[in-house]
């Protein structure tokens, strides 16, 4: 699962869910309706979780 959260911890976008085969994948987040600010991108896979901070500037 790949999702984007705002600074309040609310999910604002679900970019991917379900099974993806091993390898490199690309996703596009259409943030045209989102405010500038800090967001968090969370990847969950096989019991692991990785979170990265993202700065959206318009």
PDB file of N, CA and C in Angstrom:
ATOM      1  N   UNK A   1       0.844  -1.179   0.000  1.00  0.00           N
ATOM      2  CA  UNK A   1       0.000   0.000   0.000  1.00  0.00           C
ATOM      3  C   UNK A   1       0.888   1.240   0.000  1.00  0.00           C
ATOM      4  N   UNK A   2       0.548   2.196  -0.827  1.00  0.00           N
ATOM      5  CA  UNK A   2       1.264   3.468  -0.883  1.00  0.00           C
ATOM      6  C   UNK A   2       0.230   4.573  -0.732  1.00  0.00           C
ATOM      7  N   UNK A   3       0.380   5.393   0.314  1.00  0.00           N
ATOM      8  CA  UNK A   3      -0.608   6.429   0.599  1.00  0.00           C
ATOM      9  C   UNK A   3       0.084   7.716   1.031  1.00  0.00           C
ATOM     10  N   UNK A   4      -0.653   8.825   0.914  1.00  0.00           N
ATOM     11  CA  UNK A   4      -0.153  10.144   1.303  1.00  0.00           C
ATOM     12  C   UNK A   4      -1.027  10.661   2.440  1.00  0.00           C
ATOM     13  N   UNK A   5      -0.373  11.208   3.470  1.00  0.00           N
ATOM     14  CA  UNK A   5      -1.063  11.737   4.643  1.00  0.00           C
ATOM     15  C   UNK A   5      -0.679  13.195   4.845  1.00  0.00           C
ATOM     16  N   UNK A   6      -1.606  13.977   5.401  1.00  0.00           N
ATOM     17  CA  UNK A   6      -1.291  15.366   5.714  1.00  0.00           C
ATOM     18  C   UNK A   6      -0.645  15.443   7.093  1.00  0.00           C
ATOM     19  N   UNK A   7      -0.325  16.637   7.544  1.00  0.00           N
ATOM     20  CA  UNK A   7       0.373  16.801   8.818  1.00  0.00           C
ATOM     21  C   UNK A   7      -0.498  16.454  10.019  1.00  0.00           C
ATOM     22  N   UNK A   8      -1.810  16.292   9.807  1.00  0.00           N
ATOM     23  CA  UNK A   8      -2.720  15.879  10.876  1.00  0.00           C
ATOM     24  C   UNK A   8      -2.898  14.365  10.918  1.00  0.00           C
ATOM     25  N   UNK A   9      -2.242  13.669  10.008  1.00  0.00           N
ATOM     26  CA  UNK A   9      -2.346  12.219   9.966  1.00  0.00           C
ATOM     27  C   UNK A   9      -3.533  11.701   9.182  1.00  0.00           C
ATOM     28  N   UNK A  10      -4.202  12.585   8.456  1.00  0.00           N
ATOM     29  CA  UNK A  10      -5.355  12.180   7.647  1.00  0.00           C
ATOM     30  C   UNK A  10      -4.889  11.726   6.274  1.00  0.00           C
ATOM     31  N   UNK A  11      -5.423  10.589   5.824  1.00  0.00           N
ATOM     32  CA  UNK A  11      -5.064  10.099   4.497  1.00  0.00           C
ATOM     33  C   UNK A  11      -5.696  11.007   3.452  1.00  0.00           C
ATOM     34  N   UNK A  12      -4.875  11.547   2.550  1.00  0.00           N
ATOM     35  CA  UNK A  12      -5.374  12.445   1.509  1.00  0.00           C
ATOM     36  C   UNK A  12      -5.308  11.823   0.124  1.00  0.00           C
ATOM     37  N   UNK A  13      -4.567  10.713  -0.008  1.00  0.00           N
ATOM     38  CA  UNK A  13      -4.481  10.034  -1.308  1.00  0.00           C
ATOM     39  C   UNK A  13      -4.049   8.586  -1.105  1.00  0.00           C
ATOM     40  N   UNK A  14      -4.659   7.702  -1.873  1.00  0.00           N
ATOM     41  CA  UNK A  14      -4.261   6.291  -1.932  1.00  0.00           C
ATOM     42  C   UNK A  14      -3.662   6.089  -3.314  1.00  0.00           C
ATOM     43  N   UNK A  15      -2.355   5.904  -3.386  1.00  0.00           N
ATOM     44  CA  UNK A  15      -1.675   5.848  -4.676  1.00  0.00           C
ATOM     45  C   UNK A  15      -1.585   4.440  -5.231  1.00  0.00           C
ATOM     46  N   UNK A  16      -1.555   3.455  -4.352  1.00  0.00           N
ATOM     47  CA  UNK A  16      -1.446   2.072  -4.802  1.00  0.00           C
ATOM     48  C   UNK A  16      -1.909   1.162  -3.681  1.00  0.00           C
ATOM     49  N   UNK A  17      -2.579   0.096  -4.036  1.00  0.00           N
ATOM     50  CA  UNK A  17      -2.954  -0.917  -3.054  1.00  0.00           C
ATOM     51  C   UNK A  17      -2.976  -2.263  -3.760  1.00  0.00           C
ATOM     52  N   UNK A  18      -2.822  -3.293  -2.994  1.00  0.00           N
ATOM     53  CA  UNK A  18      -2.815  -4.614  -3.596  1.00  0.00           C
ATOM     54  C   UNK A  18      -1.421  -5.050  -3.984  1.00  0.00           C
ATOM     55  N   UNK A  19      -1.349  -6.151  -4.678  1.00  0.00           N
ATOM     56  CA  UNK A  19      -0.077  -6.789  -5.009  1.00  0.00           C
ATOM     57  C   UNK A  19       0.563  -6.164  -6.243  1.00  0.00           C
ATOM     58  N   UNK A  20       1.861  -5.915  -6.141  1.00  0.00           N
ATOM     59  CA  UNK A  20       2.674  -5.511  -7.288  1.00  0.00           C
ATOM     60  C   UNK A  20       3.839  -6.485  -7.378  1.00  0.00           C
ATOM     61  N   UNK A  21       4.184  -6.885  -8.570  1.00  0.00           N
ATOM     62  CA  UNK A  21       5.315  -7.793  -8.748  1.00  0.00           C
ATOM     63  C   UNK A  21       6.613  -7.096  -8.351  1.00  0.00           C
ATOM     64  N   UNK A  22       7.620  -7.886  -8.063  1.00  0.00           N
ATOM     65  CA  UNK A  22       8.920  -7.333  -7.690  1.00  0.00           C
ATOM     66  C   UNK A  22       9.469  -6.489  -8.831  1.00  0.00           C
ATOM     67  N   UNK A  23      10.133  -5.395  -8.481  1.00  0.00           N
ATOM     68  CA  UNK A  23      10.720  -4.542  -9.501  1.00  0.00           C
ATOM     69  C   UNK A  23      10.474  -3.081  -9.211  1.00  0.00           C
ATOM     70  N   UNK A  24      10.762  -2.257 -10.163  1.00  0.00           N
ATOM     71  CA  UNK A  24      10.614  -0.812 -10.036  1.00  0.00           C
ATOM     72  C   UNK A  24       9.251  -0.397 -10.556  1.00  0.00           C
ATOM     73  N   UNK A  25       8.580   0.454  -9.789  1.00  0.00           N
ATOM     74  CA  UNK A  25       7.254   0.935 -10.174  1.00  0.00           C
ATOM     75  C   UNK A  25       7.209   2.446  -9.998  1.00  0.00           C
ATOM     76  N   UNK A  26       6.393   3.107 -10.777  1.00  0.00           N
ATOM     77  CA  UNK A  26       6.222   4.552 -10.672  1.00  0.00           C
ATOM     78  C   UNK A  26       4.747   4.860 -10.476  1.00  0.00           C
ATOM     79  N   UNK A  27       4.483   5.859  -9.642  1.00  0.00           N
ATOM     80  CA  UNK A  27       3.121   6.348  -9.447  1.00  0.00           C
ATOM     81  C   UNK A  27       3.154   7.866  -9.555  1.00  0.00           C
ATOM     82  N   UNK A  28       2.023   8.446  -9.878  1.00  0.00           N
ATOM     83  CA  UNK A  28       1.901   9.899  -9.982  1.00  0.00           C
ATOM     84  C   UNK A  28       0.826  10.351  -9.009  1.00  0.00           C
ATOM     85  N   UNK A  29       1.147  11.343  -8.208  1.00  0.00           N
ATOM     86  CA  UNK A  29       0.179  11.916  -7.282  1.00  0.00           C
ATOM     87  C   UNK A  29      -0.295  13.236  -7.865  1.00  0.00           C
ATOM     88  N   UNK A  30      -1.566  13.302  -8.219  1.00  0.00           N
ATOM     89  CA  UNK A  30      -2.165  14.547  -8.695  1.00  0.00           C
ATOM     90  C   UNK A  30      -2.568  15.356  -7.468  1.00  0.00           C
ATOM     91  N   UNK A  31      -1.726  16.287  -7.075  1.00  0.00           N
ATOM     92  CA  UNK A  31      -1.960  17.092  -5.879  1.00  0.00           C
ATOM     93  C   UNK A  31      -2.496  18.470  -6.232  1.00  0.00           C
ATOM     94  N   UNK A  32      -3.109  18.605  -7.388  1.00  0.00           N
ATOM     95  CA  UNK A  32      -3.589  19.913  -7.839  1.00  0.00           C
ATOM     96  C   UNK A  32      -4.652  20.498  -6.912  1.00  0.00           C
ATOM     97  N   UNK A  33      -5.350  19.635  -6.177  1.00  0.00           N
ATOM     98  CA  UNK A  33      -6.396  20.124  -5.276  1.00  0.00           C
ATOM     99  C   UNK A  33      -5.926  20.188  -3.823  1.00  0.00           C
ATOM    100  N   UNK A  34      -4.628  20.013  -3.591  1.00  0.00           N
ATOM    101  CA  UNK A  34      -4.082  20.028  -2.233  1.00  0.00           C
ATOM    102  C   UNK A  34      -3.318  21.322  -1.989  1.00  0.00           C
ATOM    103  N   UNK A  35      -3.310  21.740  -0.730  1.00  0.00           N
ATOM    104  CA  UNK A  35      -2.606  22.963  -0.342  1.00  0.00           C
ATOM    105  C   UNK A  35      -1.109  22.697  -0.236  1.00  0.00           C
ATOM    106  N   UNK A  36      -0.333  23.744  -0.418  1.00  0.00           N
ATOM    107  CA  UNK A  36       1.108  23.633  -0.184  1.00  0.00           C
ATOM    108  C   UNK A  36       1.346  23.250   1.269  1.00  0.00           C
ATOM    109  N   UNK A  37       2.390  22.502   1.515  1.00  0.00           N
ATOM    110  CA  UNK A  37       2.705  22.123   2.887  1.00  0.00           C
ATOM    111  C   UNK A  37       3.442  20.807   2.951  1.00  0.00           C
ATOM    112  N   UNK A  38       3.550  20.289   4.171  1.00  0.00           N
ATOM    113  CA  UNK A  38       4.256  19.038   4.421  1.00  0.00           C
ATOM    114  C   UNK A  38       3.269  17.882   4.362  1.00  0.00           C
ATOM    115  N   UNK A  39       3.668  16.839   3.668  1.00  0.00           N
ATOM    116  CA  UNK A  39       2.881  15.610   3.566  1.00  0.00           C
ATOM    117  C   UNK A  39       3.808  14.444   3.869  1.00  0.00           C
ATOM    118  N   UNK A  40       3.219  13.321   4.188  1.00  0.00           N
ATOM    119  CA  UNK A  40       3.987  12.114   4.484  1.00  0.00           C
ATOM    120  C   UNK A  40       3.534  11.001   3.555  1.00  0.00           C
ATOM    121  N   UNK A  41       4.492  10.357   2.913  1.00  0.00           N
ATOM    122  CA  UNK A  41       4.213   9.251   2.004  1.00  0.00           C
ATOM    123  C   UNK A  41       4.582   7.969   2.747  1.00  0.00           C
ATOM    124  N   UNK A  42       3.600   7.065   2.875  1.00  0.00           N
ATOM    125  CA  UNK A  42       3.821   5.827   3.609  1.00  0.00           C
ATOM    126  C   UNK A  42       3.685   4.622   2.687  1.00  0.00           C
ATOM    127  N   UNK A  43       4.700   3.777   2.715  1.00  0.00           N
ATOM    128  CA  UNK A  43       4.701   2.520   1.971  1.00  0.00           C
ATOM    129  C   UNK A  43       4.627   1.387   2.981  1.00  0.00           C
ATOM    130  N   UNK A  44       3.612   0.534   2.855  1.00  0.00           N
ATOM    131  CA  UNK A  44       3.477  -0.649   3.705  1.00  0.00           C
ATOM    132  C   UNK A  44       3.584  -1.876   2.817  1.00  0.00           C
ATOM    133  N   UNK A  45       4.435  -2.824   3.242  1.00  0.00           N
ATOM    134  CA  UNK A  45       4.622  -4.045   2.461  1.00  0.00           C
ATOM    135  C   UNK A  45       5.140  -5.163   3.356  1.00  0.00           C
ATOM    136  N   UNK A  46       4.473  -6.276   3.326  1.00  0.00           N
ATOM    137  CA  UNK A  46       4.917  -7.474   4.066  1.00  0.00           C
ATOM    138  C   UNK A  46       5.265  -7.185   5.518  1.00  0.00           C
ATOM    139  N   UNK A  47       4.424  -6.428   6.209  1.00  0.00           N
ATOM    140  CA  UNK A  47       4.651  -6.140   7.616  1.00  0.00           C
ATOM    141  C   UNK A  47       5.663  -5.045   7.888  1.00  0.00           C
ATOM    142  N   UNK A  48       6.210  -4.447   6.868  1.00  0.00           N
ATOM    143  CA  UNK A  48       7.167  -3.347   7.018  1.00  0.00           C
ATOM    144  C   UNK A  48       6.491  -2.035   6.641  1.00  0.00           C
ATOM    145  N   UNK A  49       6.993  -0.955   7.212  1.00  0.00           N
ATOM    146  CA  UNK A  49       6.436   0.369   6.925  1.00  0.00           C
ATOM    147  C   UNK A  49       7.578   1.362   6.773  1.00  0.00           C
ATOM    148  N   UNK A  50       7.516   2.158   5.704  1.00  0.00           N
ATOM    149  CA  UNK A  50       8.503   3.210   5.461  1.00  0.00           C
ATOM    150  C   UNK A  50       7.739   4.507   5.245  1.00  0.00           C
ATOM    151  N   UNK A  51       8.143   5.554   5.956  1.00  0.00           N
ATOM    152  CA  UNK A  51       7.493   6.861   5.840  1.00  0.00           C
ATOM    153  C   UNK A  51       8.543   7.886   5.435  1.00  0.00           C
ATOM    154  N   UNK A  52       8.198   8.715   4.471  1.00  0.00           N
ATOM    155  CA  UNK A  52       9.086   9.794   4.031  1.00  0.00           C
ATOM    156  C   UNK A  52       8.305  11.103   4.001  1.00  0.00           C
ATOM    157  N   UNK A  53       8.979  12.174   4.400  1.00  0.00           N
ATOM    158  CA  UNK A  53       8.375  13.504   4.376  1.00  0.00           C
ATOM    159  C   UNK A  53       8.477  14.064   2.963  1.00  0.00           C
ATOM    160  N   UNK A  54       7.412  14.732   2.521  1.00  0.00           N
ATOM    161  CA  UNK A  54       7.402  15.374   1.203  1.00  0.00           C
ATOM    162  C   UNK A  54       6.899  16.802   1.374  1.00  0.00           C
ATOM    163  N   UNK A  55       7.517  17.720   0.673  1.00  0.00           N
ATOM    164  CA  UNK A  55       7.107  19.120   0.721  1.00  0.00           C
ATOM    165  C   UNK A  55       6.448  19.476  -0.599  1.00  0.00           C
ATOM    166  N   UNK A  56       5.189  19.887  -0.535  1.00  0.00           N
ATOM    167  CA  UNK A  56       4.449  20.304  -1.726  1.00  0.00           C
ATOM    168  C   UNK A  56       4.459  21.826  -1.775  1.00  0.00           C
ATOM    169  N   UNK A  57       5.026  22.362  -2.854  1.00  0.00           N
ATOM    170  CA  UNK A  57       5.084  23.814  -3.028  1.00  0.00           C
ATOM    171  C   UNK A  57       4.410  24.168  -4.342  1.00  0.00           C
ATOM    172  N   UNK A  58       3.510  25.116  -4.293  1.00  0.00           N
ATOM    173  CA  UNK A  58       2.799  25.545  -5.502  1.00  0.00           C
ATOM    174  C   UNK A  58       3.182  26.959  -5.850  1.00  0.00           C
TER     175      UNK A  58
END
